[in-house]
PDB file of N, CA and C in Angstrom:
ATOM      1  N   MET A   1      21.256 -18.836  25.644  1.00  0.00           N
ATOM      2  CA  MET A   1      20.640 -17.875  24.660  1.00  0.00           C
ATOM      3  C   MET A   1      21.646 -16.826  24.629  1.00  0.00           C
ATOM      4  N   THR A   2      22.006 -16.510  23.247  1.00  0.00           N
ATOM      5  CA  THR A   2      23.025 -15.425  23.234  1.00  0.00           C
ATOM      6  C   THR A   2      22.190 -14.015  23.122  1.00  0.00           C
ATOM      7  N   ALA A   3      23.030 -13.021  23.268  1.00  0.00           N
ATOM      8  CA  ALA A   3      22.572 -11.566  23.383  1.00  0.00           C
ATOM      9  C   ALA A   3      21.663 -11.245  22.192  1.00  0.00           C
ATOM     10  N   SER A   4      22.144 -11.788  20.844  1.00  0.00           N
ATOM     11  CA  SER A   4      21.405 -11.461  19.644  1.00  0.00           C
ATOM     12  C   SER A   4      19.972 -12.125  19.738  1.00  0.00           C
ATOM     13  N   SER A   5      19.937 -13.574  20.210  1.00  0.00           N
ATOM     14  CA  SER A   5      18.800 -14.242  20.332  1.00  0.00           C
ATOM     15  C   SER A   5      17.827 -13.420  21.289  1.00  0.00           C
ATOM     16  N   SER A   6      18.452 -12.966  22.359  1.00  0.00           N
ATOM     17  CA  SER A   6      17.343 -12.306  23.487  1.00  0.00           C
ATOM     18  C   SER A   6      16.763 -10.992  22.690  1.00  0.00           C
ATOM     19  N   ILE A   7      17.668 -10.409  21.949  1.00  0.00           N
ATOM     20  CA  ILE A   7      17.095  -9.221  21.251  1.00  0.00           C
ATOM     21  C   ILE A   7      15.948  -9.486  20.284  1.00  0.00           C
ATOM     22  N   GLN A   8      16.327 -10.535  19.625  1.00  0.00           N
ATOM     23  CA  GLN A   8      15.140 -11.098  18.571  1.00  0.00           C
ATOM     24  C   GLN A   8      13.919 -11.460  19.386  1.00  0.00           C
ATOM     25  N   VAL A   9      14.042 -12.052  20.513  1.00  0.00           N
ATOM     26  CA  VAL A   9      12.896 -12.418  21.118  1.00  0.00           C
ATOM     27  C   VAL A   9      12.051 -11.187  21.652  1.00  0.00           C
ATOM     28  N   LYS A  10      12.777 -10.331  22.108  1.00  0.00           N
ATOM     29  CA  LYS A  10      12.231  -8.979  22.531  1.00  0.00           C
ATOM     30  C   LYS A  10      11.730  -8.133  21.395  1.00  0.00           C
ATOM     31  N   LEU A  11      12.276  -8.225  20.396  1.00  0.00           N
ATOM     32  CA  LEU A  11      11.906  -7.483  19.132  1.00  0.00           C
ATOM     33  C   LEU A  11      10.591  -8.186  18.677  1.00  0.00           C
ATOM     34  N   THR A  12      10.523  -9.495  18.613  1.00  0.00           N
ATOM     35  CA  THR A  12       9.386 -10.280  18.142  1.00  0.00           C
ATOM     36  C   THR A  12       8.243  -9.865  19.093  1.00  0.00           C
ATOM     37  N   GLY A  13       8.493  -9.908  20.407  1.00  0.00           N
ATOM     38  CA  GLY A  13       7.377  -9.527  21.235  1.00  0.00           C
ATOM     39  C   GLY A  13       6.878  -8.098  20.960  1.00  0.00           C
ATOM     40  N   LEU A  14       7.643  -7.369  20.760  1.00  0.00           N
ATOM     41  CA  LEU A  14       7.272  -5.782  20.455  1.00  0.00           C
ATOM     42  C   LEU A  14       6.512  -5.887  19.128  1.00  0.00           C
ATOM     43  N   VAL A  15       6.902  -6.407  18.193  1.00  0.00           N
ATOM     44  CA  VAL A  15       6.067  -6.503  16.787  1.00  0.00           C
ATOM     45  C   VAL A  15       4.757  -7.195  17.132  1.00  0.00           C
ATOM     46  N   LYS A  16       4.746  -8.242  17.794  1.00  0.00           N
ATOM     47  CA  LYS A  16       3.355  -8.990  18.282  1.00  0.00           C
ATOM     48  C   LYS A  16       2.420  -7.834  18.872  1.00  0.00           C
ATOM     49  N   GLN A  17       3.018  -7.307  19.818  1.00  0.00           N
ATOM     50  CA  GLN A  17       2.207  -6.361  20.464  1.00  0.00           C
ATOM     51  C   GLN A  17       1.614  -5.247  19.511  1.00  0.00           C
ATOM     52  N   GLU A  18       2.528  -4.764  18.556  1.00  0.00           N
ATOM     53  CA  GLU A  18       1.990  -3.732  17.509  1.00  0.00           C
ATOM     54  C   GLU A  18       0.962  -4.231  16.583  1.00  0.00           C
ATOM     55  N   VAL A  19       0.996  -5.617  16.333  1.00  0.00           N
ATOM     56  CA  VAL A  19       0.032  -6.277  15.377  1.00  0.00           C
ATOM     57  C   VAL A  19      -1.292  -6.274  16.253  1.00  0.00           C
ATOM     58  N   GLU A  20      -1.250  -6.713  17.431  1.00  0.00           N
ATOM     59  CA  GLU A  20      -2.404  -6.841  18.346  1.00  0.00           C
ATOM     60  C   GLU A  20      -3.099  -5.385  18.480  1.00  0.00           C
ATOM     61  N   LYS A  21      -2.574  -4.291  18.427  1.00  0.00           N
ATOM     62  CA  LYS A  21      -2.984  -2.871  18.403  1.00  0.00           C
ATOM     63  C   LYS A  21      -3.592  -2.544  17.192  1.00  0.00           C
ATOM     64  N   ASP A  22      -2.742  -3.056  16.018  1.00  0.00           N
ATOM     65  CA  ASP A  22      -3.308  -2.794  14.659  1.00  0.00           C
ATOM     66  C   ASP A  22      -4.643  -3.473  14.380  1.00  0.00           C
ATOM     67  N   VAL A  23      -4.670  -4.767  14.986  1.00  0.00           N
ATOM     68  CA  VAL A  23      -5.840  -5.490  14.872  1.00  0.00           C
ATOM     69  C   VAL A  23      -7.123  -4.854  15.310  1.00  0.00           C
ATOM     70  N   VAL A  24      -7.033  -4.369  16.654  1.00  0.00           N
ATOM     71  CA  VAL A  24      -7.891  -3.701  17.387  1.00  0.00           C
ATOM     72  C   VAL A  24      -8.337  -2.248  16.539  1.00  0.00           C
ATOM     73  N   MET A  25      -7.269  -1.523  15.972  1.00  0.00           N
ATOM     74  CA  MET A  25      -7.641  -0.566  15.299  1.00  0.00           C
ATOM     75  C   MET A  25      -8.365  -0.744  14.033  1.00  0.00           C
ATOM     76  N   GLU A  26      -8.039  -1.842  13.301  1.00  0.00           N
ATOM     77  CA  GLU A  26      -8.657  -2.239  12.109  1.00  0.00           C
ATOM     78  C   GLU A  26     -10.133  -2.720  12.393  1.00  0.00           C
ATOM     79  N   LYS A  27     -10.405  -3.292  13.535  1.00  0.00           N
ATOM     80  CA  LYS A  27     -11.896  -3.590  13.807  1.00  0.00           C
ATOM     81  C   LYS A  27     -12.640  -2.360  14.047  1.00  0.00           C
ATOM     82  N   LYS A  28     -11.974  -1.367  14.752  1.00  0.00           N
ATOM     83  CA  LYS A  28     -12.749  -0.188  14.975  1.00  0.00           C
ATOM     84  C   LYS A  28     -12.944   0.524  13.631  1.00  0.00           C
ATOM     85  N   LEU A  29     -11.996   0.710  12.758  1.00  0.00           N
ATOM     86  CA  LEU A  29     -12.023   1.290  11.427  1.00  0.00           C
ATOM     87  C   LEU A  29     -13.161   0.626  10.667  1.00  0.00           C
ATOM     88  N   ARG A  30     -13.232  -0.643  10.701  1.00  0.00           N
ATOM     89  CA  ARG A  30     -14.103  -1.404   9.900  1.00  0.00           C
ATOM     90  C   ARG A  30     -15.599  -1.158  10.552  1.00  0.00           C
ATOM     91  N   LYS A  31     -15.812  -1.127  11.852  1.00  0.00           N
ATOM     92  CA  LYS A  31     -17.059  -0.817  12.441  1.00  0.00           C
ATOM     93  C   LYS A  31     -17.620   0.618  12.004  1.00  0.00           C
ATOM     94  N   VAL A  32     -16.680   1.595  12.148  1.00  0.00           N
ATOM     95  CA  VAL A  32     -17.025   2.987  11.719  1.00  0.00           C
ATOM     96  C   VAL A  32     -17.547   2.831  10.142  1.00  0.00           C
ATOM     97  N   CYS A  33     -16.879   2.300   9.367  1.00  0.00           N
ATOM     98  CA  CYS A  33     -17.108   2.192   7.940  1.00  0.00           C
ATOM     99  C   CYS A  33     -18.518   1.598   7.588  1.00  0.00           C
ATOM    100  N   LEU A  34     -18.747   0.417   8.469  1.00  0.00           N
ATOM    101  CA  LEU A  34     -20.189  -0.227   8.347  1.00  0.00           C
ATOM    102  C   LEU A  34     -21.102   0.836   8.685  1.00  0.00           C
ATOM    103  N   GLU A  35     -20.908   1.504   9.906  1.00  0.00           N
ATOM    104  CA  GLU A  35     -21.940   2.516  10.325  1.00  0.00           C
ATOM    105  C   GLU A  35     -22.276   3.553   9.255  1.00  0.00           C
ATOM    106  N   LEU A  36     -21.139   4.114   8.718  1.00  0.00           N
ATOM    107  CA  LEU A  36     -21.166   5.142   7.715  1.00  0.00           C
ATOM    108  C   LEU A  36     -21.976   4.604   6.440  1.00  0.00           C
ATOM    109  N   ILE A  37     -21.824   3.383   6.131  1.00  0.00           N
ATOM    110  CA  ILE A  37     -22.338   2.853   4.884  1.00  0.00           C
ATOM    111  C   ILE A  37     -23.748   2.642   5.401  1.00  0.00           C
ATOM    112  N   GLU A  38     -24.227   2.298   6.398  1.00  0.00           N
ATOM    113  CA  GLU A  38     -25.754   2.140   6.849  1.00  0.00           C
ATOM    114  C   GLU A  38     -26.235   3.603   6.894  1.00  0.00           C
ATOM    115  N   ALA A  39     -25.759   4.432   7.484  1.00  0.00           N
ATOM    116  CA  ALA A  39     -26.265   5.744   7.369  1.00  0.00           C
ATOM    117  C   ALA A  39     -26.301   6.403   6.035  1.00  0.00           C
ATOM    118  N   TYR A  40     -25.511   6.058   4.996  1.00  0.00           N
ATOM    119  CA  TYR A  40     -25.641   6.443   3.750  1.00  0.00           C
ATOM    120  C   TYR A  40     -26.683   5.758   3.042  1.00  0.00           C
ATOM    121  N   LYS A  41     -27.039   4.707   3.302  1.00  0.00           N
ATOM    122  CA  LYS A  41     -28.194   3.869   2.765  1.00  0.00           C
ATOM    123  C   LYS A  41     -29.517   4.388   3.156  1.00  0.00           C
ATOM    124  N   ASN A  42     -29.563   4.827   4.571  1.00  0.00           N
ATOM    125  CA  ASN A  42     -30.763   5.228   5.191  1.00  0.00           C
ATOM    126  C   ASN A  42     -31.024   6.752   4.507  1.00  0.00           C
ATOM    127  N   ARG A  43     -30.005   7.432   4.356  1.00  0.00           N
ATOM    128  CA  ARG A  43     -30.180   8.878   3.967  1.00  0.00           C
ATOM    129  C   ARG A  43     -30.684   8.820   2.551  1.00  0.00           C
ATOM    130  N   ARG A  44     -30.059   7.749   1.629  1.00  0.00           N
ATOM    131  CA  ARG A  44     -30.483   7.632   0.246  1.00  0.00           C
ATOM    132  C   ARG A  44     -32.081   7.245   0.147  1.00  0.00           C
ATOM    133  N   LYS A  45     -32.589   6.541   1.224  1.00  0.00           N
ATOM    134  CA  LYS A  45     -33.985   6.315   1.216  1.00  0.00           C
ATOM    135  C   LYS A  45     -34.812   7.447   1.455  1.00  0.00           C
ATOM    136  N   GLU A  46     -34.343   8.194   2.345  1.00  0.00           N
ATOM    137  CA  GLU A  46     -35.017   9.624   2.843  1.00  0.00           C
ATOM    138  C   GLU A  46     -35.038  10.586   1.573  1.00  0.00           C
ATOM    139  N   ILE A  47     -33.959  10.621   0.915  1.00  0.00           N
ATOM    140  CA  ILE A  47     -33.882  11.449  -0.255  1.00  0.00           C
ATOM    141  C   ILE A  47     -34.795  11.106  -1.274  1.00  0.00           C
ATOM    142  N   ARG A  48     -34.977   9.869  -1.594  1.00  0.00           N
ATOM    143  CA  ARG A  48     -35.892   9.451  -2.536  1.00  0.00           C
ATOM    144  C   ARG A  48     -37.312   9.722  -2.013  1.00  0.00           C
ATOM    145  N   LYS A  49     -37.731   9.590  -0.874  1.00  0.00           N
ATOM    146  CA  LYS A  49     -39.072   9.977  -0.244  1.00  0.00           C
ATOM    147  C   LYS A  49     -39.161  11.361  -0.496  1.00  0.00           C
ATOM    148  N   LEU A  50     -38.181  12.295  -0.242  1.00  0.00           N
ATOM    149  CA  LEU A  50     -38.404  13.726  -0.261  1.00  0.00           C
ATOM    150  C   LEU A  50     -38.514  14.142  -1.905  1.00  0.00           C
ATOM    151  N   GLU A  51     -37.737  13.439  -2.898  1.00  0.00           N
ATOM    152  CA  GLU A  51     -37.925  13.761  -4.189  1.00  0.00           C
ATOM    153  C   GLU A  51     -39.170  13.523  -4.685  1.00  0.00           C
ATOM    154  N   LYS A  52     -40.067  12.580  -4.159  1.00  0.00           N
ATOM    155  CA  LYS A  52     -41.309  12.522  -4.640  1.00  0.00           C
ATOM    156  C   LYS A  52     -42.374  13.692  -4.463  1.00  0.00           C
ATOM    157  N   ARG A  53     -41.886  14.447  -3.391  1.00  0.00           N
ATOM    158  CA  ARG A  53     -42.677  15.872  -3.138  1.00  0.00           C
ATOM    159  C   ARG A  53     -41.994  17.012  -3.847  1.00  0.00           C
ATOM    160  N   THR A  54     -42.043  16.889  -5.230  1.00  0.00           N
ATOM    161  CA  THR A  54     -41.387  17.951  -6.141  1.00  0.00           C
ATOM    162  C   THR A  54     -42.089  19.300  -6.057  1.00  0.00           C
ATOM    163  N   SER A  55     -43.273  19.378  -5.634  1.00  0.00           N
ATOM    164  CA  SER A  55     -43.947  20.748  -5.624  1.00  0.00           C
ATOM    165  C   SER A  55     -43.484  21.801  -4.765  1.00  0.00           C
ATOM    166  N   ASP A  56     -42.768  21.287  -3.664  1.00  0.00           N
ATOM    167  CA  ASP A  56     -42.214  21.979  -2.595  1.00  0.00           C
ATOM    168  C   ASP A  56     -40.837  22.632  -2.929  1.00  0.00           C
ATOM    169  N   HIS A  57     -40.433  23.920  -2.982  1.00  0.00           N
ATOM    170  CA  HIS A  57     -39.318  24.564  -3.333  1.00  0.00           C
ATOM    171  C   HIS A  57     -38.274  24.245  -2.285  1.00  0.00           C
ATOM    172  N   PHE A  58     -38.755  24.248  -1.020  1.00  0.00           N
ATOM    173  CA  PHE A  58     -37.898  23.912   0.245  1.00  0.00           C
ATOM    174  C   PHE A  58     -37.347  22.517   0.099  1.00  0.00           C
ATOM    175  N   VAL A  59     -38.180  21.808  -0.227  1.00  0.00           N
ATOM    176  CA  VAL A  59     -37.795  20.255  -0.359  1.00  0.00           C
ATOM    177  C   VAL A  59     -36.735  20.062  -1.432  1.00  0.00           C
ATOM    178  N   GLU A  60     -37.014  20.868  -2.519  1.00  0.00           N
ATOM    179  CA  GLU A  60     -35.887  20.642  -3.689  1.00  0.00           C
ATOM    180  C   GLU A  60     -34.573  21.085  -3.324  1.00  0.00           C
ATOM    181  N   GLY A  61     -34.640  22.143  -2.519  1.00  0.00           N
ATOM    182  CA  GLY A  61     -33.215  22.680  -1.933  1.00  0.00           C
ATOM    183  C   GLY A  61     -32.585  21.635  -0.905  1.00  0.00           C
ATOM    184  N   ALA A  62     -33.543  21.181  -0.276  1.00  0.00           N
ATOM    185  CA  ALA A  62     -33.037  20.218   0.874  1.00  0.00           C
ATOM    186  C   ALA A  62     -32.455  18.971   0.179  1.00  0.00           C
ATOM    187  N   VAL A  63     -33.156  18.506  -0.812  1.00  0.00           N
ATOM    188  CA  VAL A  63     -32.837  17.312  -1.611  1.00  0.00           C
ATOM    189  C   VAL A  63     -31.433  17.620  -2.240  1.00  0.00           C
ATOM    190  N   ARG A  64     -31.099  18.854  -2.917  1.00  0.00           N
ATOM    191  CA  ARG A  64     -29.904  19.051  -3.458  1.00  0.00           C
ATOM    192  C   ARG A  64     -28.739  19.064  -2.363  1.00  0.00           C
ATOM    193  N   MET A  65     -29.071  19.726  -1.271  1.00  0.00           N
ATOM    194  CA  MET A  65     -28.166  19.757  -0.277  1.00  0.00           C
ATOM    195  C   MET A  65     -27.702  18.315   0.337  1.00  0.00           C
ATOM    196  N   LEU A  66     -28.862  17.477   0.654  1.00  0.00           N
ATOM    197  CA  LEU A  66     -28.750  16.117   1.043  1.00  0.00           C
ATOM    198  C   LEU A  66     -27.772  15.235   0.037  1.00  0.00           C
ATOM    199  N   LYS A  67     -28.011  15.587  -1.336  1.00  0.00           N
ATOM    200  CA  LYS A  67     -27.260  14.926  -2.287  1.00  0.00           C
ATOM    201  C   LYS A  67     -25.754  15.185  -2.136  1.00  0.00           C
ATOM    202  N   LYS A  68     -25.410  16.505  -1.972  1.00  0.00           N
ATOM    203  CA  LYS A  68     -24.141  16.829  -1.831  1.00  0.00           C
ATOM    204  C   LYS A  68     -23.401  16.235  -0.738  1.00  0.00           C
ATOM    205  N   VAL A  69     -24.132  16.030   0.499  1.00  0.00           N
ATOM    206  CA  VAL A  69     -23.766  15.486   1.684  1.00  0.00           C
ATOM    207  C   VAL A  69     -23.573  14.008   1.474  1.00  0.00           C
ATOM    208  N   GLN A  70     -24.175  13.400   0.602  1.00  0.00           N
ATOM    209  CA  GLN A  70     -24.097  12.006   0.301  1.00  0.00           C
ATOM    210  C   GLN A  70     -22.894  11.888  -0.462  1.00  0.00           C
ATOM    211  N   ASP A  71     -22.678  12.793  -1.499  1.00  0.00           N
ATOM    212  CA  ASP A  71     -21.343  12.658  -2.303  1.00  0.00           C
ATOM    213  C   ASP A  71     -20.097  12.733  -1.475  1.00  0.00           C
ATOM    214  N   ARG A  72     -20.267  13.694  -0.569  1.00  0.00           N
ATOM    215  CA  ARG A  72     -19.066  13.820   0.534  1.00  0.00           C
ATOM    216  C   ARG A  72     -18.909  12.605   1.367  1.00  0.00           C
ATOM    217  N   ASP A  73     -20.016  12.048   1.832  1.00  0.00           N
ATOM    218  CA  ASP A  73     -19.895  10.873   2.731  1.00  0.00           C
ATOM    219  C   ASP A  73     -19.385   9.627   1.936  1.00  0.00           C
ATOM    220  N   TRP A  74     -19.843   9.665   0.599  1.00  0.00           N
ATOM    221  CA  TRP A  74     -19.266   8.475  -0.170  1.00  0.00           C
ATOM    222  C   TRP A  74     -17.830   8.564  -0.203  1.00  0.00           C
ATOM    223  N   GLU A  75     -17.241   9.688  -0.493  1.00  0.00           N
ATOM    224  CA  GLU A  75     -15.729   9.757  -0.727  1.00  0.00           C
ATOM    225  C   GLU A  75     -15.162   9.421   0.816  1.00  0.00           C
ATOM    226  N   ARG A  76     -15.824   9.834   1.749  1.00  0.00           N
ATOM    227  CA  ARG A  76     -15.303   9.543   3.230  1.00  0.00           C
ATOM    228  C   ARG A  76     -15.279   7.989   3.298  1.00  0.00           C
ATOM    229  N   ILE A  77     -16.316   7.332   2.911  1.00  0.00           N
ATOM    230  CA  ILE A  77     -16.546   5.816   3.100  1.00  0.00           C
ATOM    231  C   ILE A  77     -15.424   5.303   2.222  1.00  0.00           C
ATOM    232  N   MET A  78     -15.229   5.629   1.022  1.00  0.00           N
ATOM    233  CA  MET A  78     -14.189   5.065   0.258  1.00  0.00           C
ATOM    234  C   MET A  78     -12.817   5.250   0.875  1.00  0.00           C
ATOM    235  N   ARG A  79     -12.338   6.441   1.389  1.00  0.00           N
ATOM    236  CA  ARG A  79     -11.042   6.764   2.012  1.00  0.00           C
ATOM    237  C   ARG A  79     -10.909   5.843   3.177  1.00  0.00           C
ATOM    238  N   LEU A  80     -11.908   5.611   3.971  1.00  0.00           N
ATOM    239  CA  LEU A  80     -12.060   4.943   5.211  1.00  0.00           C
ATOM    240  C   LEU A  80     -11.815   3.470   4.658  1.00  0.00           C
ATOM    241  N   GLN A  81     -12.510   3.067   3.774  1.00  0.00           N
ATOM    242  CA  GLN A  81     -12.235   1.623   3.323  1.00  0.00           C
ATOM    243  C   GLN A  81     -10.859   1.358   2.842  1.00  0.00           C
ATOM    244  N   ILE A  82     -10.290   2.359   2.132  1.00  0.00           N
ATOM    245  CA  ILE A  82      -8.906   2.370   1.814  1.00  0.00           C
ATOM    246  C   ILE A  82      -7.971   1.990   2.993  1.00  0.00           C
ATOM    247  N   MET A  83      -8.311   2.868   4.103  1.00  0.00           N
ATOM    248  CA  MET A  83      -7.485   2.653   5.336  1.00  0.00           C
ATOM    249  C   MET A  83      -7.635   1.306   5.929  1.00  0.00           C
ATOM    250  N   VAL A  84      -8.879   0.907   5.906  1.00  0.00           N
ATOM    251  CA  VAL A  84      -9.076  -0.466   6.415  1.00  0.00           C
ATOM    252  C   VAL A  84      -8.239  -1.555   5.674  1.00  0.00           C
ATOM    253  N   ASN A  85      -8.359  -1.423   4.204  1.00  0.00           N
ATOM    254  CA  ASN A  85      -7.440  -2.357   3.506  1.00  0.00           C
ATOM    255  C   ASN A  85      -6.146  -2.277   3.638  1.00  0.00           C
ATOM    256  N   GLN A  86      -5.566  -1.059   3.934  1.00  0.00           N
ATOM    257  CA  GLN A  86      -3.978  -0.983   4.103  1.00  0.00           C
ATOM    258  C   GLN A  86      -3.760  -1.363   5.393  1.00  0.00           C
ATOM    259  N   SER A  87      -4.584  -1.308   6.401  1.00  0.00           N
ATOM    260  CA  SER A  87      -4.290  -1.787   7.656  1.00  0.00           C
ATOM    261  C   SER A  87      -4.393  -3.288   7.848  1.00  0.00           C
ATOM    262  N   ASP A  88      -5.278  -3.869   6.937  1.00  0.00           N
ATOM    263  CA  ASP A  88      -5.235  -5.306   6.858  1.00  0.00           C
ATOM    264  C   ASP A  88      -4.084  -5.878   6.120  1.00  0.00           C
ATOM    265  N   ILE A  89      -3.494  -5.045   5.233  1.00  0.00           N
ATOM    266  CA  ILE A  89      -2.420  -5.617   4.561  1.00  0.00           C
ATOM    267  C   ILE A  89      -1.149  -5.526   5.393  1.00  0.00           C
ATOM    268  N   SER A  90      -1.111  -4.341   6.117  1.00  0.00           N
ATOM    269  CA  SER A  90      -0.022  -4.044   7.191  1.00  0.00           C
ATOM    270  C   SER A  90       0.165  -5.059   8.174  1.00  0.00           C
ATOM    271  N   ILE A  91      -1.148  -5.569   8.708  1.00  0.00           N
ATOM    272  CA  ILE A  91      -1.174  -6.662   9.751  1.00  0.00           C
ATOM    273  C   ILE A  91      -0.561  -7.894   9.116  1.00  0.00           C
ATOM    274  N   LYS A  92      -1.091  -8.258   7.987  1.00  0.00           N
ATOM    275  CA  LYS A  92      -0.464  -9.607   7.393  1.00  0.00           C
ATOM    276  C   LYS A  92       0.936  -9.462   7.044  1.00  0.00           C
ATOM    277  N   GLU A  93       1.560  -8.359   6.693  1.00  0.00           N
ATOM    278  CA  GLU A  93       2.974  -8.291   6.408  1.00  0.00           C
ATOM    279  C   GLU A  93       3.720  -8.438   7.940  1.00  0.00           C
ATOM    280  N   LYS A  94       3.169  -7.722   8.897  1.00  0.00           N
ATOM    281  CA  LYS A  94       3.812  -7.802  10.226  1.00  0.00           C
ATOM    282  C   LYS A  94       3.691  -9.363  10.632  1.00  0.00           C
ATOM    283  N   ASN A  95       2.467  -9.966  10.486  1.00  0.00           N
ATOM    284  CA  ASN A  95       2.425 -11.304  10.963  1.00  0.00           C
ATOM    285  C   ASN A  95       3.451 -12.202  10.199  1.00  0.00           C
ATOM    286  N   PHE A  96       3.659 -11.953   8.898  1.00  0.00           N
ATOM    287  CA  PHE A  96       4.689 -12.737   7.979  1.00  0.00           C
ATOM    288  C   PHE A  96       6.169 -12.561   8.726  1.00  0.00           C
ATOM    289  N   CYS A  97       6.357 -11.202   9.101  1.00  0.00           N
ATOM    290  CA  CYS A  97       7.668 -10.910   9.624  1.00  0.00           C
ATOM    291  C   CYS A  97       7.866 -11.665  10.954  1.00  0.00           C
ATOM    292  N   VAL A  98       6.859 -11.689  11.829  1.00  0.00           N
ATOM    293  CA  VAL A  98       6.802 -12.253  13.174  1.00  0.00           C
ATOM    294  C   VAL A  98       7.163 -13.807  12.990  1.00  0.00           C
ATOM    295  N   GLY A  99       6.446 -14.375  11.975  1.00  0.00           N
ATOM    296  CA  GLY A  99       6.581 -15.776  11.594  1.00  0.00           C
ATOM    297  C   GLY A  99       8.040 -16.085  11.344  1.00  0.00           C
ATOM    298  N   ASN A 100       8.766 -15.223  10.370  1.00  0.00           N
ATOM    299  CA  ASN A 100      10.060 -15.372  10.084  1.00  0.00           C
ATOM    300  C   ASN A 100      11.009 -15.106  11.232  1.00  0.00           C
ATOM    301  N   MET A 101      10.569 -14.112  12.137  1.00  0.00           N
ATOM    302  CA  MET A 101      11.457 -13.955  13.174  1.00  0.00           C
ATOM    303  C   MET A 101      11.494 -15.048  14.334  1.00  0.00           C
ATOM    304  N   GLU A 102      10.224 -15.768  14.346  1.00  0.00           N
ATOM    305  CA  GLU A 102      10.205 -16.782  15.316  1.00  0.00           C
ATOM    306  C   GLU A 102      10.886 -18.046  14.849  1.00  0.00           C
ATOM    307  N   LEU A 103      10.874 -18.181  13.478  1.00  0.00           N
ATOM    308  CA  LEU A 103      11.500 -19.226  12.821  1.00  0.00           C
ATOM    309  C   LEU A 103      13.085 -19.333  12.936  1.00  0.00           C
ATOM    310  N   SER A 104      13.654 -18.047  12.770  1.00  0.00           N
ATOM    311  CA  SER A 104      14.831 -17.702  12.815  1.00  0.00           C
ATOM    312  C   SER A 104      15.364 -17.951  14.458  1.00  0.00           C
ATOM    313  N   ILE A 105      14.696 -17.589  15.275  1.00  0.00           N
ATOM    314  CA  ILE A 105      14.852 -17.886  16.823  1.00  0.00           C
ATOM    315  C   ILE A 105      14.961 -19.259  17.031  1.00  0.00           C
ATOM    316  N   VAL A 106      13.977 -20.069  16.459  1.00  0.00           N
ATOM    317  CA  VAL A 106      14.137 -21.511  16.657  1.00  0.00           C
ATOM    318  C   VAL A 106      15.194 -22.276  15.995  1.00  0.00           C
ATOM    319  N   LEU A 107      15.658 -21.662  14.846  1.00  0.00           N
ATOM    320  CA  LEU A 107      16.662 -22.489  14.239  1.00  0.00           C
ATOM    321  C   LEU A 107      18.102 -22.090  14.640  1.00  0.00           C
ATOM    322  N   ASP A 108      18.144 -21.038  15.513  1.00  0.00           N
ATOM    323  CA  ASP A 108      19.428 -20.596  16.093  1.00  0.00           C
ATOM    324  C   ASP A 108      19.909 -21.513  17.084  1.00  0.00           C
TER     325      ASP A 108
END
């Protein structure tokens, strides 16, 4: 094995480790995103229940505040979903590179 092949093998191993870390991170991001979506749905149900009690001024203020929170949470969910998608693309690109690196090692 030549020195350049040895370096390629080490580099391939490092990229594989990075991909494994990225996969773990993507799973965590996906889990958080799903939890936020579930909380968003539950809060929306609660807001609808509160809206039915329109005679109470305190409730009307609480509903307005909760709707603002909902809007901010929706933005966070979308940003998090974008991060998940970018992470997924990055993992696929790195796996493609690893495959090419392994192929070049085999062909050498």
